[in-house]
Structures are given as C-alpha cells and as structure tokens.
C-alpha atoms as a PDB file:
ATOM      1  CA  MET A   1      99.755  88.010  84.932  1.00  0.00           C
ATOM      2  CA  SER A   2      99.689  91.828  85.050  1.00  0.00           C
ATOM      3  CA  ALA A   3      96.999  93.296  82.820  1.00  0.00           C
ATOM      4  CA  PHE A   4      94.560  96.121  82.291  1.00  0.00           C
ATOM      5  CA  LEU A   5      91.109  94.617  82.763  1.00  0.00           C
ATOM      6  CA  SER A   6      89.284  97.623  81.303  1.00  0.00           C
ATOM      7  CA  GLU A   7      90.005 100.371  78.794  1.00  0.00           C
ATOM      8  CA  LEU A   8      90.919 103.960  79.627  1.00  0.00           C
ATOM      9  CA  GLN A   9      87.968 106.268  79.019  1.00  0.00           C
ATOM     10  CA  MET A  10      88.350 109.952  79.875  1.00  0.00           C
ATOM     11  CA  GLU A  11      87.374 113.506  78.984  1.00  0.00           C
ATOM     12  CA  ASN A  12      88.795 116.977  79.603  1.00  0.00           C
ATOM     13  CA  ALA A  13      88.178 117.838  83.238  1.00  0.00           C
ATOM     14  CA  THR A  14      88.119 121.597  82.653  1.00  0.00           C
ATOM     15  CA  PRO A  15      86.745 123.739  79.845  1.00  0.00           C
ATOM     16  CA  ARG A  16      90.113 125.376  79.132  1.00  0.00           C
ATOM     17  CA  ASP A  17      92.136 122.220  78.311  1.00  0.00           C
ATOM     18  CA  ASP A  18      94.745 122.716  81.047  1.00  0.00           C
ATOM     19  CA  GLY A  19      95.962 119.125  80.983  1.00  0.00           C
ATOM     20  CA  LEU A  20      93.545 117.664  83.510  1.00  0.00           C
ATOM     21  CA  TRP A  21      91.460 114.635  82.587  1.00  0.00           C
ATOM     22  CA  ARG A  22      88.461 112.964  84.258  1.00  0.00           C
ATOM     23  CA  LEU A  23      87.812 109.236  83.968  1.00  0.00           C
ATOM     24  CA  THR A  24      84.357 108.532  82.546  1.00  0.00           C
ATOM     25  CA  ALA A  25      84.518 104.835  83.467  1.00  0.00           C
ATOM     26  CA  PRO A  26      86.552 102.848  86.009  1.00  0.00           C
ATOM     27  CA  LEU A  27      90.043 101.749  84.958  1.00  0.00           C
ATOM     28  CA  VAL A  28      91.001  98.363  86.405  1.00  0.00           C
ATOM     29  CA  TYR A  29      94.604  97.166  86.569  1.00  0.00           C
ATOM     30  CA  GLN A  30      95.822  93.834  87.955  1.00  0.00           C
ATOM     31  CA  SER A  31      99.406  94.124  89.216  1.00  0.00           C
ATOM     32  CA  ASP A  32     101.796  91.280  89.901  1.00  0.00           C
ATOM     33  CA  VAL A  33     104.315  93.707  91.450  1.00  0.00           C
ATOM     34  CA  ALA A  34     101.811  94.967  94.031  1.00  0.00           C
ATOM     35  CA  LYS A  35      99.981  91.621  94.284  1.00  0.00           C
ATOM     36  CA  MET A  36      96.638  93.412  93.988  1.00  0.00           C
ATOM     37  CA  THR A  37      94.080  94.836  91.605  1.00  0.00           C
ATOM     38  CA  PHE A  38      93.590  98.607  91.478  1.00  0.00           C
ATOM     39  CA  THR A  39      90.260 100.112  90.425  1.00  0.00           C
ATOM     40  CA  VAL A  40      90.557 103.784  89.554  1.00  0.00           C
ATOM     41  CA  PRO A  41      86.988 105.078  89.859  1.00  0.00           C
ATOM     42  CA  ALA A  42      85.055 107.043  87.269  1.00  0.00           C
ATOM     43  CA  GLY A  43      85.366 110.714  88.135  1.00  0.00           C
ATOM     44  CA  PHE A  44      89.045 110.454  89.167  1.00  0.00           C
ATOM     45  CA  ILE A  45      91.023 113.510  87.971  1.00  0.00           C
ATOM     46  CA  THR A  46      94.528 112.997  86.555  1.00  0.00           C
ATOM     47  CA  ASP A  47      97.175 115.018  84.735  1.00  0.00           C
ATOM     48  CA  LEU A  48      98.499 111.806  83.139  1.00  0.00           C
ATOM     49  CA  ALA A  49     102.318 111.793  83.057  1.00  0.00           C
ATOM     50  CA  SER A  50     103.698 114.752  84.998  1.00  0.00           C
ATOM     51  CA  VAL A  51     106.637 115.261  82.663  1.00  0.00           C
ATOM     52  CA  PRO A  52     108.369 118.646  82.541  1.00  0.00           C
ATOM     53  CA  ARG A  53     107.421 120.410  79.322  1.00  0.00           C
ATOM     54  CA  LEU A  54     111.082 120.897  78.448  1.00  0.00           C
ATOM     55  CA  PRO A  55     111.424 119.692  74.849  1.00  0.00           C
ATOM     56  CA  ILE A  56     113.986 116.926  75.452  1.00  0.00           C
ATOM     57  CA  ALA A  57     112.298 115.597  78.625  1.00  0.00           C
ATOM     58  CA  TYR A  58     108.856 115.557  77.040  1.00  0.00           C
ATOM     59  CA  MET A  59     110.209 113.971  73.851  1.00  0.00           C
ATOM     60  CA  LEU A  60     111.773 111.138  75.870  1.00  0.00           C
ATOM     61  CA  ALA A  61     109.005 110.399  78.360  1.00  0.00           C
ATOM     62  CA  GLY A  62     105.884 112.463  77.690  1.00  0.00           C
ATOM     63  CA  GLY A  63     102.672 111.345  76.087  1.00  0.00           C
ATOM     64  CA  THR A  64     103.270 107.628  76.633  1.00  0.00           C
ATOM     65  CA  SER A  65     101.389 105.044  78.641  1.00  0.00           C
ATOM     66  CA  ASN A  66      98.400 107.091  79.743  1.00  0.00           C
ATOM     67  CA  GLU A  67      96.871 104.019  81.389  1.00  0.00           C
ATOM     68  CA  ALA A  68      99.934 103.453  83.569  1.00  0.00           C
ATOM     69  CA  SER A  69     100.070 107.157  84.448  1.00  0.00           C
ATOM     70  CA  VAL A  70      96.428 107.136  85.608  1.00  0.00           C
ATOM     71  CA  VAL A  71      97.020 104.113  87.856  1.00  0.00           C
ATOM     72  CA  HIS A  72     100.201 105.722  89.226  1.00  0.00           C
ATOM     73  CA  ASP A  73      98.378 109.002  89.984  1.00  0.00           C
ATOM     74  CA  PHE A  74      95.629 107.037  91.739  1.00  0.00           C
ATOM     75  CA  ILE A  75      98.144 105.153  93.875  1.00  0.00           C
ATOM     76  CA  TYR A  76      99.901 108.416  94.793  1.00  0.00           C
ATOM     77  CA  SER A  77      96.504 109.843  95.812  1.00  0.00           C
ATOM     78  CA  THR A  78      95.299 106.906  97.887  1.00  0.00           C
ATOM     79  CA  HIS A  79      98.482 105.162  99.167  1.00  0.00           C
ATOM     80  CA  PRO A  80      97.335 101.530  99.067  1.00  0.00           C
ATOM     81  CA  VAL A  81     101.024 100.549  98.753  1.00  0.00           C
ATOM     82  CA  ASP A  82     104.335 102.207  99.602  1.00  0.00           C
ATOM     83  CA  ARG A  83     105.955 104.701  97.217  1.00  0.00           C
ATOM     84  CA  ALA A  84     108.595 102.291  95.856  1.00  0.00           C
ATOM     85  CA  THR A  85     105.862  99.801  94.951  1.00  0.00           C
ATOM     86  CA  ALA A  86     103.777 102.589  93.381  1.00  0.00           C
ATOM     87  CA  ASP A  87     106.691 103.523  91.151  1.00  0.00           C
ATOM     88  CA  ALA A  88     107.332  99.871  90.290  1.00  0.00           C
ATOM     89  CA  VAL A  89     103.668  99.567  89.263  1.00  0.00           C
ATOM     90  CA  LEU A  90     104.174 102.495  86.856  1.00  0.00           C
ATOM     91  CA  LYS A  91     107.078 100.653  85.239  1.00  0.00           C
ATOM     92  CA  GLU A  92     105.164  97.353  85.139  1.00  0.00           C
ATOM     93  CA  ALA A  93     101.963  98.879  83.730  1.00  0.00           C
ATOM     94  CA  SER A  94     103.977 100.739  81.101  1.00  0.00           C
ATOM     95  CA  ALA A  95     105.431  97.417  79.985  1.00  0.00           C
ATOM     96  CA  VAL A  96     101.915  95.990  79.714  1.00  0.00           C
ATOM     97  CA  THR A  97     100.986  98.812  77.322  1.00  0.00           C
ATOM     98  CA  GLY A  98     104.068  98.246  75.166  1.00  0.00           C
ATOM     99  CA  VAL A  99     106.296 101.138  76.214  1.00  0.00           C
ATOM    100  CA  PRO A 100     109.920 100.308  75.271  1.00  0.00           C
ATOM    101  CA  ALA A 101     112.240  99.318  78.138  1.00  0.00           C
ATOM    102  CA  TRP A 102     114.483 102.391  77.771  1.00  0.00           C
ATOM    103  CA  ARG A 103     111.472 104.730  78.048  1.00  0.00           C
ATOM    104  CA  ARG A 104     110.055 102.793  81.033  1.00  0.00           C
ATOM    105  CA  TRP A 105     113.385 103.225  82.798  1.00  0.00           C
ATOM    106  CA  ILE A 106     113.393 107.002  82.145  1.00  0.00           C
ATOM    107  CA  MET A 107     109.834 107.326  83.438  1.00  0.00           C
ATOM    108  CA  TRP A 108     110.624 105.217  86.517  1.00  0.00           C
ATOM    109  CA  ALA A 109     113.827 107.192  87.243  1.00  0.00           C
ATOM    110  CA  GLY A 110     111.890 110.444  86.893  1.00  0.00           C
ATOM    111  CA  VAL A 111     109.281 109.477  89.476  1.00  0.00           C
ATOM    112  CA  ARG A 112     111.918 108.068  91.832  1.00  0.00           C
ATOM    113  CA  LEU A 113     113.891 111.343  91.634  1.00  0.00           C
ATOM    114  CA  GLY A 114     111.044 113.849  91.461  1.00  0.00           C
ATOM    115  CA  GLY A 115     108.015 112.096  92.911  1.00  0.00           C
ATOM    116  CA  ALA A 116     108.753 112.476  96.613  1.00  0.00           C
ATOM    117  CA  SER A 117     107.259 115.972  96.687  1.00  0.00           C
ATOM    118  CA  HIS A 118     103.958 114.519  95.422  1.00  0.00           C
ATOM    119  CA  TRP A 119     103.899 111.605  97.880  1.00  0.00           C
ATOM    120  CA  ASP A 120     102.175 112.985 100.963  1.00  0.00           C
ATOM    121  CA  PRO A 121     100.593 110.334 103.204  1.00  0.00           C
ATOM    122  CA  GLN A 122      98.722 113.120 105.047  1.00  0.00           C
ATOM    123  CA  MET A 123      96.811 113.850 101.810  1.00  0.00           C
ATOM    124  CA  ALA A 124      95.708 110.272 101.184  1.00  0.00           C
ATOM    125  CA  ALA A 125      92.092 109.803 100.198  1.00  0.00           C
ATOM    126  CA  PRO A 126      90.170 106.663 101.117  1.00  0.00           C
ATOM    127  CA  VAL A 127      90.999 103.743  98.846  1.00  0.00           C
ATOM    128  CA  VAL A 128      88.076 103.006  96.536  1.00  0.00           C
ATOM    129  CA  ASN A 129      87.301  99.478  95.295  1.00  0.00           C
ATOM    130  CA  ARG A 130      90.673  97.989  96.156  1.00  0.00           C
ATOM    131  CA  GLU A 131      90.677  94.252  95.558  1.00  0.00           C
ATOM    132  CA  HIS A 132      93.390  91.752  96.403  1.00  0.00           C
ATOM    133  CA  HIS A 133      94.163  88.888  94.053  1.00  0.00           C
END
C-alpha cells in the first residue's frame, strides 16, 4: 500500500525566502505505482509545487501536497523511473496526503503539459538510497 514512511521536515534554503526549501531529515515514500520506495535525502533542495503564481492557477493547484511535490522533484532530479511514472507518483502521493481527486488531476495535467522542460536525463544526479519493495 502506498504510504509516506516518514514526515516532511524542512527549512528555508536561502535567507531571503525565495521559495526554496531544504529537507532537514529524509522523506521516505513507498509507491505502488512505481513499485519502489523513494528516499529523498536530508539536504535535498526543492521548490515544492512549481505552480505559476497566476491567481487562478495557484488557487487551484498551489500550496497542496508538499510531500508529494518533494518526492516528484526528487524523481525529476534523479530519474529512477521514466517521466510518465514520475508524474503518476505525484498523483498517487497526493492521494495519500488527502488531496481531492479534482485537484490531483489538475496537478497531474500541469506536470504532463509543462514538465517536459524540467525533465533532462543529462542532468540526472546519482540516485540516493533507492530501495525496491
């Protein structure tokens, strides 16, 4: 069963509060969709959900499911699975945290439409603490 196995713990990553966050402890997520467990290491930097700051877009999809957004950013940085699976994990992890189905669909559609420019296999970092289950 998909589940977060640890709690999200983070702090501002920069002194000027520019929307970047640093994990202060590992975040562990077990995914049925990906058939693996992801461990986002302490120290990982994330911008959480990369939602345009347009009022309607942010109102519909911003500020929700920080845990799922961190895991999604980690997957996009390390490429342990293909992009379609990464985006499916975002949708799945959002469900685990209680995000309503209509909002999960908007978030998923947003990353499917706009995420390709952020998916660069040439920029992949080594996968840290990846465990299969």
